[in-house]
PDB file of N, CA and C in Angstrom:
ATOM      1  N   MET A   1     -21.944 -10.378  -0.917  1.00  0.00           N
ATOM      2  CA  MET A   1     -22.083  -9.531   0.251  1.00  0.00           C
ATOM      3  C   MET A   1     -21.354 -10.182   1.424  1.00  0.00           C
ATOM      4  N   ILE A   2     -20.739  -9.337   2.229  1.00  0.00           N
ATOM      5  CA  ILE A   2     -20.112  -9.832   3.457  1.00  0.00           C
ATOM      6  C   ILE A   2     -20.819  -9.191   4.644  1.00  0.00           C
ATOM      7  N   SER A   3     -20.709  -9.844   5.765  1.00  0.00           N
ATOM      8  CA  SER A   3     -21.346  -9.310   6.972  1.00  0.00           C
ATOM      9  C   SER A   3     -20.470  -8.218   7.575  1.00  0.00           C
ATOM     10  N   ILE A   4     -21.060  -7.416   8.440  1.00  0.00           N
ATOM     11  CA  ILE A   4     -20.305  -6.371   9.126  1.00  0.00           C
ATOM     12  C   ILE A   4     -19.206  -6.996   9.983  1.00  0.00           C
ATOM     13  N   ASP A   5     -19.447  -8.181  10.522  1.00  0.00           N
ATOM     14  CA  ASP A   5     -18.424  -8.861  11.318  1.00  0.00           C
ATOM     15  C   ASP A   5     -17.221  -9.243  10.464  1.00  0.00           C
ATOM     16  N   GLU A   6     -17.485  -9.685   9.227  1.00  0.00           N
ATOM     17  CA  GLU A   6     -16.378  -9.999   8.321  1.00  0.00           C
ATOM     18  C   GLU A   6     -15.604  -8.732   7.964  1.00  0.00           C
ATOM     19  N   PHE A   7     -16.313  -7.644   7.705  1.00  0.00           N
ATOM     20  CA  PHE A   7     -15.660  -6.383   7.362  1.00  0.00           C
ATOM     21  C   PHE A   7     -14.801  -5.874   8.512  1.00  0.00           C
ATOM     22  N   ARG A   8     -15.251  -6.052   9.717  1.00  0.00           N
ATOM     23  CA  ARG A   8     -14.489  -5.595  10.899  1.00  0.00           C
ATOM     24  C   ARG A   8     -13.140  -6.296  11.024  1.00  0.00           C
ATOM     25  N   LYS A   9     -12.994  -7.443  10.391  1.00  0.00           N
ATOM     26  CA  LYS A   9     -11.722  -8.170  10.437  1.00  0.00           C
ATOM     27  C   LYS A   9     -10.640  -7.491   9.601  1.00  0.00           C
ATOM     28  N   VAL A  10     -11.034  -6.673   8.638  1.00  0.00           N
ATOM     29  CA  VAL A  10     -10.069  -5.995   7.768  1.00  0.00           C
ATOM     30  C   VAL A  10      -9.464  -4.819   8.526  1.00  0.00           C
ATOM     31  N   GLU A  11      -8.147  -4.823   8.657  1.00  0.00           N
ATOM     32  CA  GLU A  11      -7.442  -3.786   9.398  1.00  0.00           C
ATOM     33  C   GLU A  11      -6.832  -2.792   8.412  1.00  0.00           C
ATOM     34  N   LEU A  12      -7.465  -1.633   8.282  1.00  0.00           N
ATOM     35  CA  LEU A  12      -6.962  -0.584   7.401  1.00  0.00           C
ATOM     36  C   LEU A  12      -6.179   0.426   8.228  1.00  0.00           C
ATOM     37  N   LYS A  13      -4.963   0.736   7.755  1.00  0.00           N
ATOM     38  CA  LYS A  13      -4.106   1.684   8.466  1.00  0.00           C
ATOM     39  C   LYS A  13      -3.434   2.626   7.473  1.00  0.00           C
ATOM     40  N   VAL A  14      -3.025   3.770   7.989  1.00  0.00           N
ATOM     41  CA  VAL A  14      -2.273   4.727   7.192  1.00  0.00           C
ATOM     42  C   VAL A  14      -0.785   4.407   7.328  1.00  0.00           C
ATOM     43  N   ALA A  15      -0.089   4.410   6.208  1.00  0.00           N
ATOM     44  CA  ALA A  15       1.354   4.170   6.188  1.00  0.00           C
ATOM     45  C   ALA A  15       2.027   5.309   5.424  1.00  0.00           C
ATOM     46  N   THR A  16       3.270   5.576   5.783  1.00  0.00           N
ATOM     47  CA  THR A  16       4.073   6.562   5.058  1.00  0.00           C
ATOM     48  C   THR A  16       5.098   5.816   4.220  1.00  0.00           C
ATOM     49  N   ILE A  17       5.189   6.178   2.952  1.00  0.00           N
ATOM     50  CA  ILE A  17       6.141   5.528   2.051  1.00  0.00           C
ATOM     51  C   ILE A  17       7.534   6.087   2.311  1.00  0.00           C
ATOM     52  N   LYS A  18       8.477   5.218   2.629  1.00  0.00           N
ATOM     53  CA  LYS A  18       9.853   5.602   2.945  1.00  0.00           C
ATOM     54  C   LYS A  18      10.833   5.287   1.822  1.00  0.00           C
ATOM     55  N   GLY A  19      10.529   4.289   1.016  1.00  0.00           N
ATOM     56  CA  GLY A  19      11.415   3.903  -0.074  1.00  0.00           C
ATOM     57  C   GLY A  19      10.628   3.250  -1.194  1.00  0.00           C
ATOM     58  N   VAL A  20      11.107   3.428  -2.420  1.00  0.00           N
ATOM     59  CA  VAL A  20      10.424   2.862  -3.591  1.00  0.00           C
ATOM     60  C   VAL A  20      11.468   2.452  -4.616  1.00  0.00           C
ATOM     61  N   GLU A  21      11.281   1.285  -5.195  1.00  0.00           N
ATOM     62  CA  GLU A  21      12.104   0.871  -6.328  1.00  0.00           C
ATOM     63  C   GLU A  21      11.300  -0.040  -7.240  1.00  0.00           C
ATOM     64  N   PRO A  22      11.653  -0.076  -8.507  1.00  0.00           N
ATOM     65  CA  PRO A  22      10.967  -0.984  -9.423  1.00  0.00           C
ATOM     66  C   PRO A  22      11.222  -2.436  -9.012  1.00  0.00           C
ATOM     67  N   HIS A  23      10.229  -3.268  -9.163  1.00  0.00           N
ATOM     68  CA  HIS A  23      10.385  -4.701  -8.888  1.00  0.00           C
ATOM     69  C   HIS A  23      11.327  -5.260  -9.952  1.00  0.00           C
ATOM     70  N   PRO A  24      12.341  -6.018  -9.550  1.00  0.00           N
ATOM     71  CA  PRO A  24      13.307  -6.507 -10.533  1.00  0.00           C
ATOM     72  C   PRO A  24      12.768  -7.565 -11.495  1.00  0.00           C
ATOM     73  N   ASN A  25      11.639  -8.206 -11.139  1.00  0.00           N
ATOM     74  CA  ASN A  25      11.118  -9.297 -11.955  1.00  0.00           C
ATOM     75  C   ASN A  25       9.713  -9.056 -12.497  1.00  0.00           C
ATOM     76  N   ALA A  26       9.246  -7.805 -12.467  1.00  0.00           N
ATOM     77  CA  ALA A  26       7.888  -7.519 -12.934  1.00  0.00           C
ATOM     78  C   ALA A  26       7.802  -6.095 -13.458  1.00  0.00           C
ATOM     79  N   ASP A  27       7.314  -5.944 -14.670  1.00  0.00           N
ATOM     80  CA  ASP A  27       7.244  -4.634 -15.318  1.00  0.00           C
ATOM     81  C   ASP A  27       6.225  -3.690 -14.701  1.00  0.00           C
ATOM     82  N   LYS A  28       5.192  -4.210 -14.063  1.00  0.00           N
ATOM     83  CA  LYS A  28       4.126  -3.351 -13.539  1.00  0.00           C
ATOM     84  C   LYS A  28       4.210  -3.103 -12.037  1.00  0.00           C
ATOM     85  N   LEU A  29       5.102  -3.830 -11.346  1.00  0.00           N
ATOM     86  CA  LEU A  29       5.162  -3.744  -9.886  1.00  0.00           C
ATOM     87  C   LEU A  29       6.237  -2.791  -9.389  1.00  0.00           C
ATOM     88  N   MET A  30       5.920  -2.125  -8.275  1.00  0.00           N
ATOM     89  CA  MET A  30       6.886  -1.333  -7.518  1.00  0.00           C
ATOM     90  C   MET A  30       7.021  -1.995  -6.150  1.00  0.00           C
ATOM     91  N   VAL A  31       8.197  -1.879  -5.559  1.00  0.00           N
ATOM     92  CA  VAL A  31       8.441  -2.391  -4.219  1.00  0.00           C
ATOM     93  C   VAL A  31       8.535  -1.185  -3.299  1.00  0.00           C
ATOM     94  N   LEU A  32       7.625  -1.098  -2.343  1.00  0.00           N
ATOM     95  CA  LEU A  32       7.564   0.040  -1.432  1.00  0.00           C
ATOM     96  C   LEU A  32       7.979  -0.385  -0.037  1.00  0.00           C
ATOM     97  N   GLN A  33       8.800   0.435   0.591  1.00  0.00           N
ATOM     98  CA  GLN A  33       9.126   0.280   2.003  1.00  0.00           C
ATOM     99  C   GLN A  33       8.242   1.275   2.728  1.00  0.00           C
ATOM    100  N   ILE A  34       7.421   0.768   3.668  1.00  0.00           N
ATOM    101  CA  ILE A  34       6.459   1.639   4.325  1.00  0.00           C
ATOM    102  C   ILE A  34       6.646   1.636   5.837  1.00  0.00           C
ATOM    103  N   ASP A  35       6.259   2.748   6.450  1.00  0.00           N
ATOM    104  CA  ASP A  35       6.300   2.930   7.904  1.00  0.00           C
ATOM    105  C   ASP A  35       4.875   2.867   8.420  1.00  0.00           C
ATOM    106  N   LEU A  36       4.617   1.878   9.276  1.00  0.00           N
ATOM    107  CA  LEU A  36       3.304   1.724   9.893  1.00  0.00           C
ATOM    108  C   LEU A  36       3.321   2.154  11.357  1.00  0.00           C
ATOM    109  N   GLY A  37       4.259   3.023  11.703  1.00  0.00           N
ATOM    110  CA  GLY A  37       4.357   3.499  13.080  1.00  0.00           C
ATOM    111  C   GLY A  37       5.150   2.561  13.952  1.00  0.00           C
ATOM    112  N   SER A  38       4.566   1.423  14.286  1.00  0.00           N
ATOM    113  CA  SER A  38       5.230   0.462  15.169  1.00  0.00           C
ATOM    114  C   SER A  38       6.125  -0.509  14.412  1.00  0.00           C
ATOM    115  N   GLU A  39       6.061  -0.488  13.090  1.00  0.00           N
ATOM    116  CA  GLU A  39       6.886  -1.410  12.302  1.00  0.00           C
ATOM    117  C   GLU A  39       7.080  -0.904  10.880  1.00  0.00           C
ATOM    118  N   GLN A  40       8.110  -1.417  10.240  1.00  0.00           N
ATOM    119  CA  GLN A  40       8.401  -1.140   8.840  1.00  0.00           C
ATOM    120  C   GLN A  40       8.019  -2.393   8.052  1.00  0.00           C
ATOM    121  N   ARG A  41       7.469  -2.199   6.869  1.00  0.00           N
ATOM    122  CA  ARG A  41       7.090  -3.339   6.029  1.00  0.00           C
ATOM    123  C   ARG A  41       7.444  -3.066   4.578  1.00  0.00           C
ATOM    124  N   GLN A  42       7.370  -4.137   3.804  1.00  0.00           N
ATOM    125  CA  GLN A  42       7.561  -4.055   2.357  1.00  0.00           C
ATOM    126  C   GLN A  42       6.275  -4.520   1.687  1.00  0.00           C
ATOM    127  N   ILE A  43       5.814  -3.734   0.714  1.00  0.00           N
ATOM    128  CA  ILE A  43       4.667  -4.175  -0.083  1.00  0.00           C
ATOM    129  C   ILE A  43       5.007  -4.022  -1.563  1.00  0.00           C
ATOM    130  N   CYS A  44       4.444  -4.896  -2.353  1.00  0.00           N
ATOM    131  CA  CYS A  44       4.580  -4.824  -3.808  1.00  0.00           C
ATOM    132  C   CYS A  44       3.227  -4.381  -4.358  1.00  0.00           C
ATOM    133  N   ALA A  45       3.262  -3.415  -5.262  1.00  0.00           N
ATOM    134  CA  ALA A  45       2.012  -2.874  -5.793  1.00  0.00           C
ATOM    135  C   ALA A  45       2.130  -2.631  -7.290  1.00  0.00           C
ATOM    136  N   GLY A  46       1.048  -2.853  -8.002  1.00  0.00           N
ATOM    137  CA  GLY A  46       1.010  -2.698  -9.453  1.00  0.00           C
ATOM    138  C   GLY A  46       0.783  -1.261  -9.885  1.00  0.00           C
ATOM    139  N   ILE A  47       1.678  -0.373  -9.473  1.00  0.00           N
ATOM    140  CA  ILE A  47       1.517   1.060  -9.769  1.00  0.00           C
ATOM    141  C   ILE A  47       2.670   1.631 -10.587  1.00  0.00           C
ATOM    142  N   ARG A  48       3.528   0.786 -11.081  1.00  0.00           N
ATOM    143  CA  ARG A  48       4.740   1.240 -11.779  1.00  0.00           C
ATOM    144  C   ARG A  48       4.440   2.085 -13.013  1.00  0.00           C
ATOM    145  N   ASN A  49       3.366   1.790 -13.719  1.00  0.00           N
ATOM    146  CA  ASN A  49       3.021   2.547 -14.921  1.00  0.00           C
ATOM    147  C   ASN A  49       2.274   3.837 -14.609  1.00  0.00           C
ATOM    148  N   HIS A  50       2.039   4.105 -13.319  1.00  0.00           N
ATOM    149  CA  HIS A  50       1.218   5.249 -12.932  1.00  0.00           C
ATOM    150  C   HIS A  50       1.936   6.264 -12.050  1.00  0.00           C
ATOM    151  N   TYR A  51       3.010   5.851 -11.392  1.00  0.00           N
ATOM    152  CA  TYR A  51       3.733   6.742 -10.485  1.00  0.00           C
ATOM    153  C   TYR A  51       5.236   6.553 -10.657  1.00  0.00           C
ATOM    154  N   ALA A  52       5.965   7.651 -10.556  1.00  0.00           N
ATOM    155  CA  ALA A  52       7.421   7.592 -10.531  1.00  0.00           C
ATOM    156  C   ALA A  52       7.848   7.438  -9.074  1.00  0.00           C
ATOM    157  N   PRO A  53       8.953   6.727  -8.826  1.00  0.00           N
ATOM    158  CA  PRO A  53       9.394   6.524  -7.448  1.00  0.00           C
ATOM    159  C   PRO A  53       9.541   7.827  -6.651  1.00  0.00           C
ATOM    160  N   ASP A  54      10.096   8.864  -7.266  1.00  0.00           N
ATOM    161  CA  ASP A  54      10.342  10.099  -6.518  1.00  0.00           C
ATOM    162  C   ASP A  54       9.061  10.828  -6.115  1.00  0.00           C
ATOM    163  N   GLU A  55       7.942  10.583  -6.781  1.00  0.00           N
ATOM    164  CA  GLU A  55       6.702  11.237  -6.389  1.00  0.00           C
ATOM    165  C   GLU A  55       5.961  10.476  -5.285  1.00  0.00           C
ATOM    166  N   LEU A  56       6.474   9.305  -4.915  1.00  0.00           N
ATOM    167  CA  LEU A  56       5.834   8.504  -3.878  1.00  0.00           C
ATOM    168  C   LEU A  56       6.489   8.658  -2.503  1.00  0.00           C
ATOM    169  N   ILE A  57       7.770   8.966  -2.471  1.00  0.00           N
ATOM    170  CA  ILE A  57       8.490   9.078  -1.193  1.00  0.00           C
ATOM    171  C   ILE A  57       7.821  10.144  -0.321  1.00  0.00           C
ATOM    172  N   GLY A  58       7.498   9.761   0.914  1.00  0.00           N
ATOM    173  CA  GLY A  58       6.891  10.682   1.864  1.00  0.00           C
ATOM    174  C   GLY A  58       5.376  10.730   1.827  1.00  0.00           C
ATOM    175  N   ARG A  59       4.770  10.157   0.790  1.00  0.00           N
ATOM    176  CA  ARG A  59       3.302  10.162   0.695  1.00  0.00           C
ATOM    177  C   ARG A  59       2.704   9.191   1.694  1.00  0.00           C
ATOM    178  N   GLN A  60       1.521   9.525   2.147  1.00  0.00           N
ATOM    179  CA  GLN A  60       0.786   8.611   3.006  1.00  0.00           C
ATOM    180  C   GLN A  60      -0.241   7.870   2.163  1.00  0.00           C
ATOM    181  N   ILE A  61      -0.394   6.588   2.468  1.00  0.00           N
ATOM    182  CA  ILE A  61      -1.331   5.732   1.751  1.00  0.00           C
ATOM    183  C   ILE A  61      -2.142   4.934   2.761  1.00  0.00           C
ATOM    184  N   VAL A  62      -3.210   4.321   2.290  1.00  0.00           N
ATOM    185  CA  VAL A  62      -4.020   3.427   3.112  1.00  0.00           C
ATOM    186  C   VAL A  62      -3.684   2.003   2.704  1.00  0.00           C
ATOM    187  N   VAL A  63      -3.400   1.156   3.706  1.00  0.00           N
ATOM    188  CA  VAL A  63      -3.042  -0.233   3.427  1.00  0.00           C
ATOM    189  C   VAL A  63      -3.901  -1.189   4.239  1.00  0.00           C
ATOM    190  N   VAL A  64      -4.068  -2.406   3.690  1.00  0.00           N
ATOM    191  CA  VAL A  64      -4.657  -3.505   4.448  1.00  0.00           C
ATOM    192  C   VAL A  64      -3.494  -4.107   5.226  1.00  0.00           C
ATOM    193  N   ALA A  65      -3.504  -3.904   6.537  1.00  0.00           N
ATOM    194  CA  ALA A  65      -2.351  -4.273   7.363  1.00  0.00           C
ATOM    195  C   ALA A  65      -2.368  -5.713   7.840  1.00  0.00           C
ATOM    196  N   ASN A  66      -3.528  -6.353   7.828  1.00  0.00           N
ATOM    197  CA  ASN A  66      -3.581  -7.726   8.345  1.00  0.00           C
ATOM    198  C   ASN A  66      -3.791  -8.762   7.248  1.00  0.00           C
ATOM    199  N   LEU A  67      -3.308  -8.461   6.063  1.00  0.00           N
ATOM    200  CA  LEU A  67      -3.364  -9.411   4.955  1.00  0.00           C
ATOM    201  C   LEU A  67      -2.179 -10.370   5.076  1.00  0.00           C
ATOM    202  N   GLU A  68      -2.408 -11.624   4.790  1.00  0.00           N
ATOM    203  CA  GLU A  68      -1.313 -12.596   4.827  1.00  0.00           C
ATOM    204  C   GLU A  68      -0.204 -12.174   3.871  1.00  0.00           C
ATOM    205  N   THR A  69       1.036 -12.433   4.271  1.00  0.00           N
ATOM    206  CA  THR A  69       2.180 -12.155   3.413  1.00  0.00           C
ATOM    207  C   THR A  69       2.089 -13.010   2.155  1.00  0.00           C
ATOM    208  N   ALA A  70       2.399 -12.396   1.022  1.00  0.00           N
ATOM    209  CA  ALA A  70       2.367 -13.109  -0.254  1.00  0.00           C
ATOM    210  C   ALA A  70       3.687 -12.898  -0.976  1.00  0.00           C
ATOM    211  N   LYS A  71       4.066 -13.839  -1.821  1.00  0.00           N
ATOM    212  CA  LYS A  71       5.243 -13.682  -2.676  1.00  0.00           C
ATOM    213  C   LYS A  71       4.766 -13.248  -4.045  1.00  0.00           C
ATOM    214  N   LEU A  72       5.234 -12.100  -4.500  1.00  0.00           N
ATOM    215  CA  LEU A  72       4.894 -11.595  -5.825  1.00  0.00           C
ATOM    216  C   LEU A  72       6.156 -11.540  -6.658  1.00  0.00           C
ATOM    217  N   ARG A  73       6.233 -12.456  -7.627  1.00  0.00           N
ATOM    218  CA  ARG A  73       7.402 -12.549  -8.500  1.00  0.00           C
ATOM    219  C   ARG A  73       8.706 -12.654  -7.702  1.00  0.00           C
ATOM    220  N   GLY A  74       8.651 -13.412  -6.601  1.00  0.00           N
ATOM    221  CA  GLY A  74       9.847 -13.705  -5.834  1.00  0.00           C
ATOM    222  C   GLY A  74      10.116 -12.795  -4.651  1.00  0.00           C
ATOM    223  N   LEU A  75       9.365 -11.707  -4.492  1.00  0.00           N
ATOM    224  CA  LEU A  75       9.557 -10.804  -3.354  1.00  0.00           C
ATOM    225  C   LEU A  75       8.342 -10.838  -2.437  1.00  0.00           C
ATOM    226  N   GLU A  76       8.592 -10.698  -1.125  1.00  0.00           N
ATOM    227  CA  GLU A  76       7.506 -10.685  -0.157  1.00  0.00           C
ATOM    228  C   GLU A  76       6.737  -9.382  -0.211  1.00  0.00           C
ATOM    229  N   SER A  77       5.425  -9.493  -0.110  1.00  0.00           N
ATOM    230  CA  SER A  77       4.552  -8.335   0.025  1.00  0.00           C
ATOM    231  C   SER A  77       3.776  -8.521   1.322  1.00  0.00           C
ATOM    232  N   GLN A  78       3.963  -7.582   2.252  1.00  0.00           N
ATOM    233  CA  GLN A  78       3.403  -7.701   3.590  1.00  0.00           C
ATOM    234  C   GLN A  78       2.226  -6.757   3.795  1.00  0.00           C
ATOM    235  N   GLY A  79       1.316  -6.751   2.845  1.00  0.00           N
ATOM    236  CA  GLY A  79       0.139  -5.894   2.915  1.00  0.00           C
ATOM    237  C   GLY A  79      -0.296  -5.528   1.519  1.00  0.00           C
ATOM    238  N   MET A  80      -1.291  -4.657   1.433  1.00  0.00           N
ATOM    239  CA  MET A  80      -1.802  -4.221   0.129  1.00  0.00           C
ATOM    240  C   MET A  80      -2.233  -2.771   0.258  1.00  0.00           C
ATOM    241  N   LEU A  81      -1.814  -1.958  -0.706  1.00  0.00           N
ATOM    242  CA  LEU A  81      -2.286  -0.579  -0.691  1.00  0.00           C
ATOM    243  C   LEU A  81      -3.637  -0.491  -1.370  1.00  0.00           C
ATOM    244  N   LEU A  82      -4.389   0.542  -1.036  1.00  0.00           N
ATOM    245  CA  LEU A  82      -5.691   0.758  -1.651  1.00  0.00           C
ATOM    246  C   LEU A  82      -5.580   1.848  -2.701  1.00  0.00           C
ATOM    247  N   ALA A  83      -6.214   1.616  -3.830  1.00  0.00           N
ATOM    248  CA  ALA A  83      -6.200   2.576  -4.937  1.00  0.00           C
ATOM    249  C   ALA A  83      -7.512   2.471  -5.685  1.00  0.00           C
ATOM    250  N   ALA A  84      -7.875   3.563  -6.344  1.00  0.00           N
ATOM    251  CA  ALA A  84      -9.044   3.573  -7.217  1.00  0.00           C
ATOM    252  C   ALA A  84      -8.543   3.527  -8.651  1.00  0.00           C
ATOM    253  N   SER A  85      -9.354   2.972  -9.540  1.00  0.00           N
ATOM    254  CA  SER A  85      -8.947   2.953 -10.941  1.00  0.00           C
ATOM    255  C   SER A  85     -10.154   3.251 -11.821  1.00  0.00           C
ATOM    256  N   ASP A  86      -9.874   3.999 -12.888  1.00  0.00           N
ATOM    257  CA  ASP A  86     -10.884   4.268 -13.901  1.00  0.00           C
ATOM    258  C   ASP A  86     -10.183   4.665 -15.193  1.00  0.00           C
ATOM    259  N   GLU A  87     -10.738   4.286 -16.298  1.00  0.00           N
ATOM    260  CA  GLU A  87     -10.231   4.680 -17.607  1.00  0.00           C
ATOM    261  C   GLU A  87      -8.711   4.566 -17.726  1.00  0.00           C
ATOM    262  N   GLY A  88      -8.154   3.493 -17.163  1.00  0.00           N
ATOM    263  CA  GLY A  88      -6.725   3.258 -17.278  1.00  0.00           C
ATOM    264  C   GLY A  88      -5.857   3.978 -16.254  1.00  0.00           C
ATOM    265  N   ARG A  89      -6.467   4.764 -15.375  1.00  0.00           N
ATOM    266  CA  ARG A  89      -5.696   5.454 -14.339  1.00  0.00           C
ATOM    267  C   ARG A  89      -5.757   4.674 -13.035  1.00  0.00           C
ATOM    268  N   VAL A  90      -4.703   4.803 -12.228  1.00  0.00           N
ATOM    269  CA  VAL A  90      -4.687   4.256 -10.877  1.00  0.00           C
ATOM    270  C   VAL A  90      -4.355   5.413  -9.942  1.00  0.00           C
ATOM    271  N   ILE A  91      -5.229   5.648  -8.964  1.00  0.00           N
ATOM    272  CA  ILE A  91      -5.082   6.764  -8.040  1.00  0.00           C
ATOM    273  C   ILE A  91      -5.018   6.209  -6.618  1.00  0.00           C
ATOM    274  N   LEU A  92      -3.919   6.500  -5.910  1.00  0.00           N
ATOM    275  CA  LEU A  92      -3.752   6.022  -4.540  1.00  0.00           C
ATOM    276  C   LEU A  92      -4.747   6.690  -3.610  1.00  0.00           C
ATOM    277  N   LEU A  93      -5.281   5.913  -2.667  1.00  0.00           N
ATOM    278  CA  LEU A  93      -6.140   6.475  -1.629  1.00  0.00           C
ATOM    279  C   LEU A  93      -5.247   7.003  -0.517  1.00  0.00           C
ATOM    280  N   THR A  94      -5.461   8.249  -0.153  1.00  0.00           N
ATOM    281  CA  THR A  94      -4.626   8.908   0.851  1.00  0.00           C
ATOM    282  C   THR A  94      -5.513   9.665   1.824  1.00  0.00           C
ATOM    283  N   PRO A  95      -5.021   9.882   3.059  1.00  0.00           N
ATOM    284  CA  PRO A  95      -5.807  10.715   3.975  1.00  0.00           C
ATOM    285  C   PRO A  95      -5.784  12.172   3.501  1.00  0.00           C
ATOM    286  N   GLU A  96      -6.825  12.905   3.825  1.00  0.00           N
ATOM    287  CA  GLU A  96      -6.929  14.307   3.424  1.00  0.00           C
ATOM    288  C   GLU A  96      -5.827  15.154   4.059  1.00  0.00           C
ATOM    289  N   LYS A  97      -5.496  14.834   5.313  1.00  0.00           N
ATOM    290  CA  LYS A  97      -4.441  15.542   6.042  1.00  0.00           C
ATOM    291  C   LYS A  97      -3.476  14.501   6.603  1.00  0.00           C
ATOM    292  N   ALA A  98      -2.251  14.915   6.875  1.00  0.00           N
ATOM    293  CA  ALA A  98      -1.252  14.008   7.427  1.00  0.00           C
ATOM    294  C   ALA A  98      -1.669  13.523   8.814  1.00  0.00           C
ATOM    295  N   VAL A  99      -1.453  12.244   9.047  1.00  0.00           N
ATOM    296  CA  VAL A  99      -1.715  11.627  10.344  1.00  0.00           C
ATOM    297  C   VAL A  99      -0.503  10.784  10.723  1.00  0.00           C
ATOM    298  N   GLU A 100      -0.461  10.337  11.940  1.00  0.00           N
ATOM    299  CA  GLU A 100       0.641   9.482  12.377  1.00  0.00           C
ATOM    300  C   GLU A 100       0.599   8.165  11.640  1.00  0.00           C
ATOM    301  N   PRO A 101       1.764   7.669  11.186  1.00  0.00           N
ATOM    302  CA  PRO A 101       1.802   6.346  10.569  1.00  0.00           C
ATOM    303  C   PRO A 101       1.243   5.301  11.547  1.00  0.00           C
ATOM    304  N   GLY A 102       0.452   4.394  11.013  1.00  0.00           N
ATOM    305  CA  GLY A 102      -0.166   3.368  11.830  1.00  0.00           C
ATOM    306  C   GLY A 102      -1.569   3.719  12.302  1.00  0.00           C
ATOM    307  N   SER A 103      -2.016   4.963  12.014  1.00  0.00           N
ATOM    308  CA  SER A 103      -3.369   5.362  12.408  1.00  0.00           C
ATOM    309  C   SER A 103      -4.387   4.445  11.753  1.00  0.00           C
ATOM    310  N   LYS A 104      -5.403   4.061  12.500  1.00  0.00           N
ATOM    311  CA  LYS A 104      -6.446   3.188  11.971  1.00  0.00           C
ATOM    312  C   LYS A 104      -7.410   3.975  11.106  1.00  0.00           C
ATOM    313  N   VAL A 105      -7.877   3.329  10.042  1.00  0.00           N
ATOM    314  CA  VAL A 105      -8.891   3.890   9.163  1.00  0.00           C
ATOM    315  C   VAL A 105     -10.199   3.200   9.508  1.00  0.00           C
ATOM    316  N   SER A 106     -11.223   3.999   9.754  1.00  0.00           N
ATOM    317  CA  SER A 106     -12.520   3.401  10.110  1.00  0.00           C
ATOM    318  C   SER A 106     -13.637   4.118   9.395  1.00  0.00           C
TER     319      SER A 106
END
């Protein structure tokens, strides 16, 4: 269990996917270029077996925006997208309606 104060430290924001390509060094990873309103970022996500690049362009997703940058198989990932998984499926968490990139999730 974490405290409400610890949870408040997690910065969830809506991002719009602007570009997608397969990770050159990992079979399960995709490299996404995302728009967070005030900045553009790159994130690596393990969704390659679940989504085609062309179905992701323009979609809005929820990301952890204040996660430390990590190197995944040699590429920087500047955040983490949120997804649900069950029975081998991975489903991206998205807002019900379009919002401005960078909108806070609370």
